[in-house]
Protein backbone atom coordinates (compact mmCIF):
# COMPACT_ATOMS: atom_id res chain seq x y z
CA HIS A 1 17.11 -11.00 -16.13
CA ARG A 2 15.94 -8.15 -18.57
CA ASP A 3 18.54 -7.08 -21.31
CA THR A 4 16.93 -4.47 -23.43
CA GLU A 5 16.03 -0.87 -22.50
CA THR A 6 12.36 -1.36 -23.24
CA ASP A 7 12.29 -4.28 -20.68
CA ASP A 8 13.50 -1.86 -18.06
CA ILE A 9 10.40 0.15 -18.11
CA PRO A 10 8.03 -2.49 -16.54
CA GLU A 11 10.64 -3.25 -13.91
CA GLU A 12 10.85 0.59 -12.98
CA SER A 13 7.00 0.53 -12.97
CA ASP A 14 7.04 -2.45 -10.59
CA VAL A 15 9.52 -0.70 -8.35
CA LEU A 16 7.39 2.52 -8.31
CA ARG A 17 4.34 0.44 -7.38
CA ARG A 18 6.14 -1.24 -4.50
CA VAL A 19 7.22 2.18 -3.21
CA PHE A 20 3.52 3.40 -3.59
CA MET A 21 2.12 0.43 -1.75
CA THR A 22 4.62 0.47 1.09
CA SER A 23 4.50 4.14 1.62
CA GLY A 24 0.78 4.02 1.79
CA THR A 25 0.83 1.01 4.05
CA THR A 26 3.31 2.71 6.41
CA THR A 27 1.11 5.91 6.47
CA VAL A 28 -2.11 3.92 7.22
CA ALA A 29 -0.18 1.84 9.88
CA THR A 30 1.14 4.77 11.62
CA ALA A 31 -2.11 6.73 11.42
CA SER A 32 -4.20 3.72 12.66
CA LEU A 33 -1.85 2.67 15.47
CA GLY A 34 -1.72 6.39 16.60
CA LEU A 35 2.09 6.50 16.24
CA GLY A 36 4.01 9.72 16.18
CA GLY A 37 1.14 12.07 17.34
CA ALA A 38 0.71 11.43 21.12
CA PRO A 39 2.87 10.14 23.88
CA ALA A 40 3.02 6.43 24.16
CA SER A 41 1.21 6.55 27.44
CA ALA A 42 -1.75 8.47 25.93
CA ALA A 43 -2.84 5.64 23.63
CA GLN A 44 -3.52 2.01 24.38
CA VAL A 45 -3.28 -0.03 21.28
CA SER A 46 -5.17 -3.27 21.08
CA LEU A 47 -3.96 -5.77 18.41
CA PRO A 48 -6.01 -8.75 17.34
CA ALA A 49 -4.65 -12.23 18.10
CA GLN A 50 -2.57 -13.59 15.37
CA ARG A 51 -3.96 -16.13 12.97
CA ARG A 52 -2.84 -17.70 9.65
CA VAL A 53 -4.00 -16.06 6.58
CA GLY A 54 -6.28 -18.10 4.48
CA GLU A 55 -6.70 -18.55 0.71
CA ALA A 56 -9.76 -16.24 0.65
CA GLU A 57 -7.79 -13.34 2.21
CA VAL A 58 -4.58 -14.02 -0.29
CA ASN A 59 -7.17 -14.07 -3.31
CA ALA A 60 -8.74 -10.78 -2.13
CA VAL A 61 -5.35 -9.04 -1.68
CA GLU A 62 -4.27 -10.32 -5.21
CA LYS A 63 -7.41 -9.17 -6.70
CA ALA A 64 -7.04 -5.64 -5.21
CA VAL A 65 -3.41 -5.36 -6.26
CA ARG A 66 -4.48 -6.40 -9.90
CA GLN A 67 -7.21 -3.52 -9.69
CA ILE A 68 -4.61 -1.03 -8.47
CA ARG A 69 -2.16 -1.97 -11.29
CA LEU A 70 -4.78 -1.50 -13.88
CA LEU A 71 -5.76 1.85 -12.61
CA ASP A 72 -2.12 2.78 -12.37
CA ASP A 73 -1.49 1.74 -16.00
CA ARG A 74 -4.62 3.73 -17.11
CA HIS A 75 -4.30 6.79 -14.94
CA GLY A 76 -0.87 6.88 -13.23
CA ALA A 77 -0.18 6.66 -9.59
CA ASP A 78 -0.53 10.46 -8.66
CA GLY A 79 -4.31 10.41 -8.57
CA LEU A 80 -4.39 6.99 -6.83
CA TYR A 81 -2.02 8.25 -4.02
CA ARG A 82 -4.09 11.42 -3.71
CA ARG A 83 -7.31 9.45 -3.31
CA ALA A 84 -5.67 6.84 -1.02
CA ALA A 85 -4.15 9.74 1.38
CA GLN A 86 -7.44 11.79 1.48
CA PRO A 87 -9.00 9.86 4.36
CA LEU A 88 -5.81 10.35 6.34
CA ARG A 89 -6.07 14.13 5.90
CA ALA A 90 -9.66 14.19 7.23
């Protein structure tokens, strides 16, 4: 638990990062699954078979998150959000 005002800033930053990550994930999932754009009968969605996530995948995600956080700390999330959303607008 954090008691001082200055300790609240990293917590707020973490919350904003989570919002950024989940909103982007939702947007990508919606776009890639074709949700919301066409009637359900118009799109057949084929999902891959489920499997357990391995250590390599976990390490790759953790590395990507560290890179995103470093970029966020240096440049802020606005630019990252614009760049991440750009392919969705094309």
